[in-house]
Amino acid sequence: MSNNNPDAIKKVSIICANGSLEGVYPSLIMANGARMDGIEANIFFTFFGLNALMKKTVNSLKVATVGNSALNMAMPMMGFPITTPFPTLLGAIPGVSNLASWMMKNEMEKLDIPPVDEFLEMISDAGGKIYACKLAMDMFKLKIDDLVDHVDDVLTVGQFYEISAGSSIIFT
């Protein structure tokens, strides 16, 4: 990061509301990238994004295969052109989401992309802050003990906005 650029981003606040494998990783990658560039990073997990923070689900996130029009991106992993659409009906067959998730995790492992729990630990160790949404926690009847150890706090939206003052806010 160049300190000579007055417009350089100094702080990002990332909102993760999607709990699928392909929904969580963009938040983790962006937060980790920010920390590696010396940018302050906060991630706010809300609604289904809380799947990435729950001890019971952090290591079992799946790729959404039904209604995911962008799944054509994964077609080259199966030897098909990227322009081949992934049939939604195929995604409803039992086991297809597990297969797609396994394939995606396998490709990420080849690229040395860590699993979600390790990624959260890396971000936390690098000084990134990880927050859970109080409203979503209350709605899903979750307690702080249900979450991984790297969660810094459970915040209301207003508290997250206070922490985010001066940030570029990113919704993934």
N, C-alpha and C. Protein backbone atom coordinates (compact mmCIF):
# COMPACT_ATOMS: atom_id res chain seq x y z
N MET A 1 0.84 -1.17 0.00
CA MET A 1 0.00 0.00 0.00
C MET A 1 0.89 1.24 0.00
N SER A 2 0.59 2.17 -0.84
CA SER A 2 1.38 3.39 -0.94
C SER A 2 0.88 4.43 0.04
N ASN A 3 1.78 4.91 0.90
CA ASN A 3 1.41 5.95 1.86
C ASN A 3 1.36 7.31 1.21
N ASN A 4 1.84 7.43 -0.03
CA ASN A 4 1.85 8.71 -0.72
C ASN A 4 0.51 9.03 -1.35
N ASN A 5 -0.40 8.07 -1.43
CA ASN A 5 -1.69 8.27 -2.06
C ASN A 5 -2.72 8.66 -0.99
N PRO A 6 -3.17 9.92 -1.00
CA PRO A 6 -4.13 10.34 0.02
C PRO A 6 -5.49 9.65 -0.12
N ASP A 7 -5.78 9.09 -1.29
CA ASP A 7 -7.06 8.42 -1.51
C ASP A 7 -6.99 6.92 -1.25
N ALA A 8 -5.84 6.43 -0.79
CA ALA A 8 -5.70 5.00 -0.54
C ALA A 8 -6.67 4.55 0.55
N ILE A 9 -7.22 3.38 0.37
CA ILE A 9 -8.14 2.82 1.36
C ILE A 9 -7.35 2.47 2.61
N LYS A 10 -7.84 2.93 3.74
CA LYS A 10 -7.16 2.67 5.01
C LYS A 10 -7.94 1.70 5.89
N LYS A 11 -9.23 1.54 5.60
CA LYS A 11 -10.09 0.73 6.45
C LYS A 11 -11.26 0.19 5.63
N VAL A 12 -11.52 -1.12 5.78
CA VAL A 12 -12.67 -1.73 5.12
C VAL A 12 -13.55 -2.43 6.15
N SER A 13 -14.83 -2.38 5.92
CA SER A 13 -15.79 -3.11 6.71
C SER A 13 -16.59 -3.97 5.74
N ILE A 14 -16.52 -5.26 5.95
CA ILE A 14 -17.10 -6.23 5.02
C ILE A 14 -18.29 -6.89 5.69
N ILE A 15 -19.41 -6.94 4.98
CA ILE A 15 -20.62 -7.56 5.49
C ILE A 15 -20.83 -8.87 4.74
N CYS A 16 -20.89 -9.97 5.48
CA CYS A 16 -21.10 -11.30 4.91
C CYS A 16 -22.46 -11.81 5.36
N ALA A 17 -23.41 -11.93 4.43
CA ALA A 17 -24.76 -12.37 4.77
C ALA A 17 -25.12 -13.70 4.12
N ASN A 18 -24.16 -14.30 3.43
CA ASN A 18 -24.43 -15.55 2.72
C ASN A 18 -23.60 -16.66 3.37
N GLY A 19 -24.24 -17.76 3.71
CA GLY A 19 -23.55 -18.83 4.42
C GLY A 19 -23.08 -19.99 3.58
N SER A 20 -23.18 -19.87 2.26
CA SER A 20 -22.68 -20.94 1.40
C SER A 20 -21.16 -20.80 1.25
N LEU A 21 -20.54 -21.86 0.78
CA LEU A 21 -19.09 -21.86 0.60
C LEU A 21 -18.66 -20.71 -0.31
N GLU A 22 -19.36 -20.56 -1.44
CA GLU A 22 -19.00 -19.50 -2.38
C GLU A 22 -19.46 -18.12 -1.91
N GLY A 23 -20.28 -18.08 -0.86
CA GLY A 23 -20.72 -16.81 -0.31
C GLY A 23 -19.81 -16.28 0.78
N VAL A 24 -19.14 -17.18 1.48
CA VAL A 24 -18.28 -16.80 2.61
C VAL A 24 -16.86 -16.44 2.15
N TYR A 25 -16.33 -17.20 1.21
CA TYR A 25 -14.93 -16.99 0.82
C TYR A 25 -14.60 -15.58 0.31
N PRO A 26 -15.48 -14.93 -0.46
CA PRO A 26 -15.12 -13.56 -0.88
C PRO A 26 -14.84 -12.63 0.30
N SER A 27 -15.63 -12.75 1.37
CA SER A 27 -15.40 -11.91 2.56
C SER A 27 -14.05 -12.22 3.19
N LEU A 28 -13.75 -13.51 3.31
CA LEU A 28 -12.48 -13.91 3.92
C LEU A 28 -11.28 -13.48 3.08
N ILE A 29 -11.38 -13.66 1.79
CA ILE A 29 -10.28 -13.29 0.89
C ILE A 29 -10.06 -11.78 0.91
N MET A 30 -11.16 -11.02 0.88
CA MET A 30 -11.01 -9.55 0.88
C MET A 30 -10.46 -9.05 2.21
N ALA A 31 -10.91 -9.62 3.32
CA ALA A 31 -10.39 -9.20 4.63
C ALA A 31 -8.92 -9.56 4.78
N ASN A 32 -8.57 -10.76 4.37
CA ASN A 32 -7.17 -11.19 4.45
C ASN A 32 -6.29 -10.32 3.55
N GLY A 33 -6.75 -10.05 2.35
CA GLY A 33 -6.00 -9.18 1.43
C GLY A 33 -5.80 -7.80 2.00
N ALA A 34 -6.84 -7.29 2.64
CA ALA A 34 -6.73 -5.96 3.27
C ALA A 34 -5.66 -5.98 4.35
N ARG A 35 -5.70 -6.97 5.23
CA ARG A 35 -4.71 -7.04 6.30
C ARG A 35 -3.30 -7.20 5.74
N MET A 36 -3.14 -7.98 4.68
CA MET A 36 -1.81 -8.17 4.09
C MET A 36 -1.28 -6.87 3.49
N ASP A 37 -2.20 -5.96 3.12
CA ASP A 37 -1.79 -4.65 2.59
C ASP A 37 -1.78 -3.57 3.66
N GLY A 38 -1.94 -3.96 4.93
CA GLY A 38 -1.90 -2.99 6.02
C GLY A 38 -3.18 -2.20 6.19
N ILE A 39 -4.26 -2.68 5.60
CA ILE A 39 -5.55 -2.00 5.71
C ILE A 39 -6.33 -2.61 6.87
N GLU A 40 -6.89 -1.77 7.71
CA GLU A 40 -7.73 -2.25 8.82
C GLU A 40 -8.94 -2.97 8.23
N ALA A 41 -9.29 -4.13 8.79
CA ALA A 41 -10.40 -4.91 8.26
C ALA A 41 -11.34 -5.39 9.36
N ASN A 42 -12.62 -5.19 9.13
CA ASN A 42 -13.68 -5.68 10.02
C ASN A 42 -14.63 -6.50 9.17
N ILE A 43 -15.02 -7.68 9.66
CA ILE A 43 -16.02 -8.49 8.96
C ILE A 43 -17.22 -8.66 9.89
N PHE A 44 -18.40 -8.36 9.36
CA PHE A 44 -19.66 -8.47 10.10
C PHE A 44 -20.47 -9.59 9.46
N PHE A 45 -20.63 -10.68 10.20
CA PHE A 45 -21.38 -11.83 9.70
C PHE A 45 -22.82 -11.72 10.19
N THR A 46 -23.75 -11.70 9.25
CA THR A 46 -25.16 -11.56 9.60
C THR A 46 -25.99 -12.61 8.87
N PHE A 47 -27.18 -12.84 9.33
CA PHE A 47 -28.10 -13.83 8.79
C PHE A 47 -27.36 -15.14 8.49
N PHE A 48 -27.46 -15.66 7.28
CA PHE A 48 -26.89 -16.97 7.00
C PHE A 48 -25.36 -16.97 6.98
N GLY A 49 -24.76 -15.79 6.94
CA GLY A 49 -23.31 -15.69 7.04
C GLY A 49 -22.79 -16.23 8.37
N LEU A 50 -23.67 -16.28 9.37
CA LEU A 50 -23.27 -16.82 10.67
C LEU A 50 -22.84 -18.28 10.58
N ASN A 51 -23.25 -18.99 9.52
CA ASN A 51 -22.79 -20.37 9.32
C ASN A 51 -21.27 -20.46 9.36
N ALA A 52 -20.60 -19.42 8.89
CA ALA A 52 -19.13 -19.43 8.85
C ALA A 52 -18.52 -19.26 10.23
N LEU A 53 -19.31 -18.83 11.20
CA LEU A 53 -18.79 -18.60 12.54
C LEU A 53 -19.21 -19.66 13.54
N MET A 54 -20.19 -20.45 13.20
CA MET A 54 -20.69 -21.45 14.15
C MET A 54 -19.76 -22.65 14.21
N LYS A 55 -19.42 -23.06 15.43
CA LYS A 55 -18.55 -24.22 15.62
C LYS A 55 -19.09 -25.45 14.89
N LYS A 56 -20.40 -25.63 14.89
CA LYS A 56 -21.01 -26.82 14.30
C LYS A 56 -21.03 -26.81 12.78
N THR A 57 -20.89 -25.64 12.15
CA THR A 57 -21.02 -25.56 10.69
C THR A 57 -19.81 -25.00 9.96
N VAL A 58 -18.85 -24.41 10.68
CA VAL A 58 -17.73 -23.72 10.04
C VAL A 58 -16.98 -24.61 9.04
N ASN A 59 -16.88 -25.89 9.32
CA ASN A 59 -16.13 -26.78 8.43
C ASN A 59 -17.02 -27.61 7.51
N SER A 60 -18.30 -27.28 7.45
CA SER A 60 -19.19 -28.06 6.59
C SER A 60 -20.03 -27.19 5.66
N LEU A 61 -19.52 -26.02 5.28
CA LEU A 61 -20.23 -25.16 4.35
C LEU A 61 -20.29 -25.84 2.98
N LYS A 62 -21.38 -25.63 2.27
CA LYS A 62 -21.59 -26.27 0.96
C LYS A 62 -21.78 -25.23 -0.13
N VAL A 63 -21.56 -25.65 -1.36
CA VAL A 63 -21.84 -24.84 -2.54
C VAL A 63 -23.34 -24.93 -2.80
N ALA A 64 -23.97 -23.81 -3.05
CA ALA A 64 -25.39 -23.80 -3.41
C ALA A 64 -25.52 -24.20 -4.87
N THR A 65 -26.15 -25.34 -5.12
CA THR A 65 -26.25 -25.84 -6.50
C THR A 65 -27.62 -25.60 -7.13
N VAL A 66 -28.64 -25.32 -6.35
CA VAL A 66 -29.97 -25.07 -6.89
C VAL A 66 -30.16 -23.57 -7.07
N GLY A 67 -30.49 -23.18 -8.29
CA GLY A 67 -30.74 -21.77 -8.57
C GLY A 67 -29.50 -20.91 -8.63
N ASN A 68 -28.33 -21.49 -8.72
CA ASN A 68 -27.08 -20.75 -8.78
C ASN A 68 -26.68 -20.59 -10.24
N SER A 69 -27.10 -19.49 -10.84
CA SER A 69 -26.86 -19.28 -12.27
C SER A 69 -25.38 -19.09 -12.61
N ALA A 70 -24.56 -18.82 -11.62
CA ALA A 70 -23.12 -18.62 -11.87
C ALA A 70 -22.33 -19.91 -11.75
N LEU A 71 -22.99 -21.03 -11.56
CA LEU A 71 -22.28 -22.30 -11.38
C LEU A 71 -21.58 -22.75 -12.67
N ASN A 72 -21.88 -22.08 -13.77
CA ASN A 72 -21.14 -22.38 -15.01
C ASN A 72 -19.65 -22.15 -14.82
N MET A 73 -19.27 -21.32 -13.84
CA MET A 73 -17.85 -21.06 -13.58
C MET A 73 -17.13 -22.34 -13.17
N ALA A 74 -17.85 -23.29 -12.58
CA ALA A 74 -17.24 -24.53 -12.12
C ALA A 74 -17.19 -25.60 -13.20
N MET A 75 -17.82 -25.37 -14.33
CA MET A 75 -17.88 -26.39 -15.38
C MET A 75 -16.50 -26.84 -15.88
N PRO A 76 -15.50 -25.94 -16.00
CA PRO A 76 -14.17 -26.41 -16.42
C PRO A 76 -13.56 -27.45 -15.48
N MET A 77 -13.95 -27.45 -14.20
CA MET A 77 -13.45 -28.46 -13.27
C MET A 77 -13.89 -29.86 -13.68
N MET A 78 -14.99 -29.92 -14.45
CA MET A 78 -15.51 -31.21 -14.90
C MET A 78 -15.18 -31.47 -16.37
N GLY A 79 -14.36 -30.60 -16.96
CA GLY A 79 -13.95 -30.79 -18.34
C GLY A 79 -14.88 -30.18 -19.37
N PHE A 80 -15.85 -29.37 -18.93
CA PHE A 80 -16.77 -28.71 -19.85
C PHE A 80 -16.35 -27.26 -20.05
N PRO A 81 -16.74 -26.67 -21.19
CA PRO A 81 -16.44 -25.24 -21.38
C PRO A 81 -17.17 -24.38 -20.34
N ILE A 82 -16.58 -23.26 -20.01
CA ILE A 82 -17.18 -22.35 -19.02
C ILE A 82 -18.54 -21.84 -19.48
N THR A 83 -18.80 -21.89 -20.76
CA THR A 83 -20.08 -21.44 -21.30
C THR A 83 -21.20 -22.46 -21.13
N THR A 84 -20.86 -23.65 -20.62
CA THR A 84 -21.88 -24.68 -20.40
C THR A 84 -22.67 -24.34 -19.15
N PRO A 85 -23.99 -24.16 -19.27
CA PRO A 85 -24.76 -23.87 -18.06
C PRO A 85 -24.89 -25.10 -17.17
N PHE A 86 -24.95 -24.87 -15.87
CA PHE A 86 -25.17 -25.95 -14.92
C PHE A 86 -26.68 -26.08 -14.74
N PRO A 87 -27.25 -27.23 -15.07
CA PRO A 87 -28.70 -27.37 -14.99
C PRO A 87 -29.20 -27.34 -13.54
N THR A 88 -30.13 -26.44 -13.25
CA THR A 88 -30.67 -26.30 -11.90
C THR A 88 -31.26 -27.61 -11.42
N LEU A 89 -31.93 -28.32 -12.29
CA LEU A 89 -32.54 -29.60 -11.91
C LEU A 89 -31.49 -30.58 -11.39
N LEU A 90 -30.31 -30.57 -12.01
CA LEU A 90 -29.22 -31.44 -11.57
C LEU A 90 -28.79 -31.10 -10.14
N GLY A 91 -28.84 -29.83 -9.80
CA GLY A 91 -28.45 -29.39 -8.46
C GLY A 91 -29.35 -29.90 -7.36
N ALA A 92 -30.57 -30.30 -7.72
CA ALA A 92 -31.52 -30.80 -6.73
C ALA A 92 -31.32 -32.28 -6.42
N ILE A 93 -30.53 -32.97 -7.20
CA ILE A 93 -30.28 -34.39 -6.96
C ILE A 93 -29.43 -34.56 -5.71
N PRO A 94 -29.84 -35.46 -4.80
CA PRO A 94 -29.07 -35.66 -3.57
C PRO A 94 -27.60 -35.98 -3.88
N GLY A 95 -26.72 -35.32 -3.16
CA GLY A 95 -25.29 -35.55 -3.30
C GLY A 95 -24.59 -34.59 -4.25
N VAL A 96 -25.34 -33.90 -5.10
CA VAL A 96 -24.70 -32.99 -6.07
C VAL A 96 -24.05 -31.81 -5.36
N SER A 97 -24.71 -31.26 -4.34
CA SER A 97 -24.11 -30.15 -3.58
C SER A 97 -22.84 -30.62 -2.88
N ASN A 98 -22.87 -31.83 -2.33
CA ASN A 98 -21.66 -32.37 -1.68
C ASN A 98 -20.53 -32.55 -2.68
N LEU A 99 -20.86 -33.05 -3.87
CA LEU A 99 -19.84 -33.23 -4.91
C LEU A 99 -19.27 -31.88 -5.35
N ALA A 100 -20.14 -30.90 -5.58
CA ALA A 100 -19.68 -29.57 -5.99
C ALA A 100 -18.82 -28.94 -4.90
N SER A 101 -19.21 -29.13 -3.66
CA SER A 101 -18.44 -28.59 -2.54
C SER A 101 -17.08 -29.25 -2.45
N TRP A 102 -17.05 -30.57 -2.60
CA TRP A 102 -15.78 -31.30 -2.57
C TRP A 102 -14.86 -30.82 -3.69
N MET A 103 -15.42 -30.66 -4.90
CA MET A 103 -14.62 -30.20 -6.03
C MET A 103 -14.05 -28.81 -5.78
N MET A 104 -14.89 -27.92 -5.26
CA MET A 104 -14.43 -26.56 -5.01
C MET A 104 -13.35 -26.53 -3.93
N LYS A 105 -13.57 -27.28 -2.84
CA LYS A 105 -12.57 -27.33 -1.77
C LYS A 105 -11.26 -27.93 -2.28
N ASN A 106 -11.34 -28.93 -3.14
CA ASN A 106 -10.17 -29.57 -3.71
C ASN A 106 -9.38 -28.56 -4.56
N GLU A 107 -10.07 -27.80 -5.38
CA GLU A 107 -9.40 -26.78 -6.21
C GLU A 107 -8.77 -25.69 -5.34
N MET A 108 -9.47 -25.29 -4.29
CA MET A 108 -8.93 -24.26 -3.39
C MET A 108 -7.70 -24.78 -2.67
N GLU A 109 -7.73 -26.03 -2.28
CA GLU A 109 -6.56 -26.62 -1.61
C GLU A 109 -5.35 -26.62 -2.55
N LYS A 110 -5.57 -26.89 -3.83
CA LYS A 110 -4.48 -26.85 -4.81
C LYS A 110 -3.87 -25.46 -4.89
N LEU A 111 -4.70 -24.45 -4.66
CA LEU A 111 -4.22 -23.06 -4.70
C LEU A 111 -3.76 -22.56 -3.33
N ASP A 112 -3.69 -23.48 -2.36
CA ASP A 112 -3.25 -23.17 -1.00
C ASP A 112 -4.17 -22.17 -0.31
N ILE A 113 -5.46 -22.24 -0.62
CA ILE A 113 -6.46 -21.42 0.07
C ILE A 113 -6.92 -22.21 1.28
N PRO A 114 -6.79 -21.64 2.47
CA PRO A 114 -7.11 -22.40 3.68
C PRO A 114 -8.60 -22.64 3.87
N PRO A 115 -8.95 -23.66 4.66
CA PRO A 115 -10.35 -23.87 5.01
C PRO A 115 -10.87 -22.69 5.84
N VAL A 116 -12.18 -22.57 5.94
CA VAL A 116 -12.80 -21.42 6.59
C VAL A 116 -12.27 -21.19 8.00
N ASP A 117 -12.20 -22.23 8.82
CA ASP A 117 -11.75 -22.04 10.20
C ASP A 117 -10.32 -21.51 10.27
N GLU A 118 -9.45 -22.01 9.41
CA GLU A 118 -8.06 -21.52 9.38
C GLU A 118 -7.99 -20.09 8.86
N PHE A 119 -8.85 -19.77 7.88
CA PHE A 119 -8.88 -18.42 7.32
C PHE A 119 -9.30 -17.42 8.40
N LEU A 120 -10.32 -17.78 9.18
CA LEU A 120 -10.75 -16.90 10.27
C LEU A 120 -9.62 -16.67 11.27
N GLU A 121 -8.90 -17.74 11.58
CA GLU A 121 -7.77 -17.63 12.50
C GLU A 121 -6.68 -16.72 11.92
N MET A 122 -6.37 -16.88 10.64
CA MET A 122 -5.35 -16.05 9.99
C MET A 122 -5.74 -14.57 10.04
N ILE A 123 -7.00 -14.28 9.72
CA ILE A 123 -7.47 -12.90 9.72
C ILE A 123 -7.38 -12.31 11.12
N SER A 124 -7.83 -13.08 12.11
CA SER A 124 -7.77 -12.63 13.50
C SER A 124 -6.32 -12.40 13.95
N ASP A 125 -5.45 -13.36 13.65
CA ASP A 125 -4.04 -13.24 14.02
C ASP A 125 -3.36 -12.04 13.35
N ALA A 126 -3.86 -11.66 12.17
CA ALA A 126 -3.29 -10.52 11.44
C ALA A 126 -3.89 -9.19 11.90
N GLY A 127 -4.79 -9.25 12.89
CA GLY A 127 -5.36 -8.01 13.42
C GLY A 127 -6.72 -7.65 12.87
N GLY A 128 -7.27 -8.49 12.00
CA GLY A 128 -8.62 -8.25 11.50
C GLY A 128 -9.63 -8.53 12.60
N LYS A 129 -10.74 -7.86 12.55
CA LYS A 129 -11.79 -8.02 13.56
C LYS A 129 -12.97 -8.77 12.95
N ILE A 130 -13.51 -9.70 13.73
CA ILE A 130 -14.60 -10.56 13.28
C ILE A 130 -15.78 -10.37 14.23
N TYR A 131 -16.91 -9.97 13.64
CA TYR A 131 -18.08 -9.69 14.45
C TYR A 131 -19.29 -10.50 13.97
N ALA A 132 -20.16 -10.84 14.93
CA ALA A 132 -21.43 -11.49 14.63
C ALA A 132 -22.55 -10.47 14.87
N CYS A 133 -23.60 -10.57 14.09
CA CYS A 133 -24.75 -9.67 14.17
C CYS A 133 -25.67 -10.10 15.32
N LYS A 134 -25.95 -9.17 16.23
CA LYS A 134 -26.79 -9.47 17.38
C LYS A 134 -28.20 -9.86 16.96
N LEU A 135 -28.79 -9.14 16.03
CA LEU A 135 -30.15 -9.44 15.58
C LEU A 135 -30.23 -10.86 15.02
N ALA A 136 -29.28 -11.21 14.17
CA ALA A 136 -29.28 -12.56 13.58
C ALA A 136 -29.02 -13.61 14.66
N MET A 137 -28.15 -13.32 15.60
CA MET A 137 -27.89 -14.25 16.70
C MET A 137 -29.17 -14.49 17.49
N ASP A 138 -29.89 -13.42 17.79
CA ASP A 138 -31.15 -13.54 18.54
C ASP A 138 -32.19 -14.30 17.72
N MET A 139 -32.28 -13.97 16.43
CA MET A 139 -33.28 -14.60 15.57
C MET A 139 -33.06 -16.11 15.47
N PHE A 140 -31.79 -16.52 15.35
CA PHE A 140 -31.48 -17.94 15.22
C PHE A 140 -31.21 -18.62 16.57
N LYS A 141 -31.44 -17.85 17.66
CA LYS A 141 -31.30 -18.38 19.02
C LYS A 141 -29.89 -18.92 19.30
N LEU A 142 -28.90 -18.16 18.87
CA LEU A 142 -27.51 -18.54 19.06
C LEU A 142 -26.90 -17.77 20.23
N LYS A 143 -25.92 -18.37 20.86
CA LYS A 143 -25.17 -17.75 21.95
C LYS A 143 -23.72 -17.62 21.52
N ILE A 144 -22.98 -16.76 22.17
CA ILE A 144 -21.56 -16.56 21.84
C ILE A 144 -20.80 -17.88 21.93
N ASP A 145 -21.20 -18.77 22.83
CA ASP A 145 -20.54 -20.07 22.97
C ASP A 145 -20.72 -20.96 21.74
N ASP A 146 -21.71 -20.65 20.90
CA ASP A 146 -21.94 -21.42 19.67
C ASP A 146 -20.93 -21.04 18.58
N LEU A 147 -20.21 -19.95 18.79
CA LEU A 147 -19.33 -19.40 17.75
C LEU A 147 -17.87 -19.79 17.98
N VAL A 148 -17.11 -19.76 16.89
CA VAL A 148 -15.68 -20.04 16.97
C VAL A 148 -14.99 -19.00 17.84
N ASP A 149 -13.84 -19.33 18.34
CA ASP A 149 -13.12 -18.48 19.29
C ASP A 149 -12.63 -17.16 18.71
N HIS A 150 -12.55 -17.05 17.40
CA HIS A 150 -11.96 -15.86 16.79
C HIS A 150 -12.95 -14.71 16.63
N VAL A 151 -14.19 -14.89 17.08
CA VAL A 151 -15.17 -13.81 17.02
C VAL A 151 -14.83 -12.80 18.11
N ASP A 152 -14.66 -11.55 17.70
CA ASP A 152 -14.29 -10.51 18.65
C ASP A 152 -15.47 -10.04 19.50
N ASP A 153 -16.67 -10.00 18.88
CA ASP A 153 -17.82 -9.50 19.62
C ASP A 153 -19.10 -9.76 18.83
N VAL A 154 -20.21 -9.63 19.53
CA VAL A 154 -21.54 -9.66 18.91
C VAL A 154 -22.03 -8.22 18.96
N LEU A 155 -22.34 -7.66 17.80
CA LEU A 155 -22.69 -6.23 17.70
C LEU A 155 -24.06 -6.02 17.09
N THR A 156 -24.67 -4.90 17.47
CA THR A 156 -25.86 -4.45 16.75
C THR A 156 -25.38 -3.79 15.45
N VAL A 157 -26.30 -3.56 14.57
CA VAL A 157 -25.94 -2.87 13.31
C VAL A 157 -25.38 -1.49 13.62
N GLY A 158 -26.01 -0.79 14.56
CA GLY A 158 -25.52 0.55 14.94
C GLY A 158 -24.10 0.53 15.45
N GLN A 159 -23.77 -0.47 16.27
CA GLN A 159 -22.40 -0.60 16.78
C GLN A 159 -21.43 -0.89 15.65
N PHE A 160 -21.85 -1.71 14.69
CA PHE A 160 -20.98 -2.00 13.55
C PHE A 160 -20.74 -0.73 12.73
N TYR A 161 -21.79 0.07 12.56
CA TYR A 161 -21.61 1.34 11.84
C TYR A 161 -20.64 2.26 12.57
N GLU A 162 -20.71 2.30 13.90
CA GLU A 162 -19.77 3.12 14.68
C GLU A 162 -18.33 2.67 14.43
N ILE A 163 -18.11 1.36 14.50
CA ILE A 163 -16.78 0.79 14.26
C ILE A 163 -16.33 1.06 12.82
N SER A 164 -17.30 1.11 11.91
CA SER A 164 -17.01 1.26 10.49
C SER A 164 -16.79 2.71 10.06
N ALA A 165 -16.92 3.66 10.96
CA ALA A 165 -16.76 5.07 10.59
C ALA A 165 -15.45 5.26 9.83
N GLY A 166 -15.53 5.87 8.68
CA GLY A 166 -14.36 6.10 7.85
C GLY A 166 -13.97 4.93 6.96
N SER A 167 -14.74 3.86 7.01
CA SER A 167 -14.44 2.66 6.21
C SER A 167 -15.04 2.72 4.83
N SER A 168 -14.47 1.94 3.94
CA SER A 168 -15.16 1.57 2.72
C SER A 168 -15.96 0.33 3.10
N ILE A 169 -17.29 0.38 2.90
CA ILE A 169 -18.14 -0.75 3.28
C ILE A 169 -18.38 -1.63 2.06
N ILE A 170 -18.15 -2.91 2.24
CA ILE A 170 -18.27 -3.88 1.15
C ILE A 170 -19.29 -4.93 1.56
N PHE A 171 -20.27 -5.17 0.73
CA PHE A 171 -21.27 -6.20 0.98
C PHE A 171 -21.02 -7.33 0.00
N THR A 172 -20.68 -8.51 0.52
CA THR A 172 -20.37 -9.63 -0.38
C THR A 172 -21.57 -10.54 -0.54
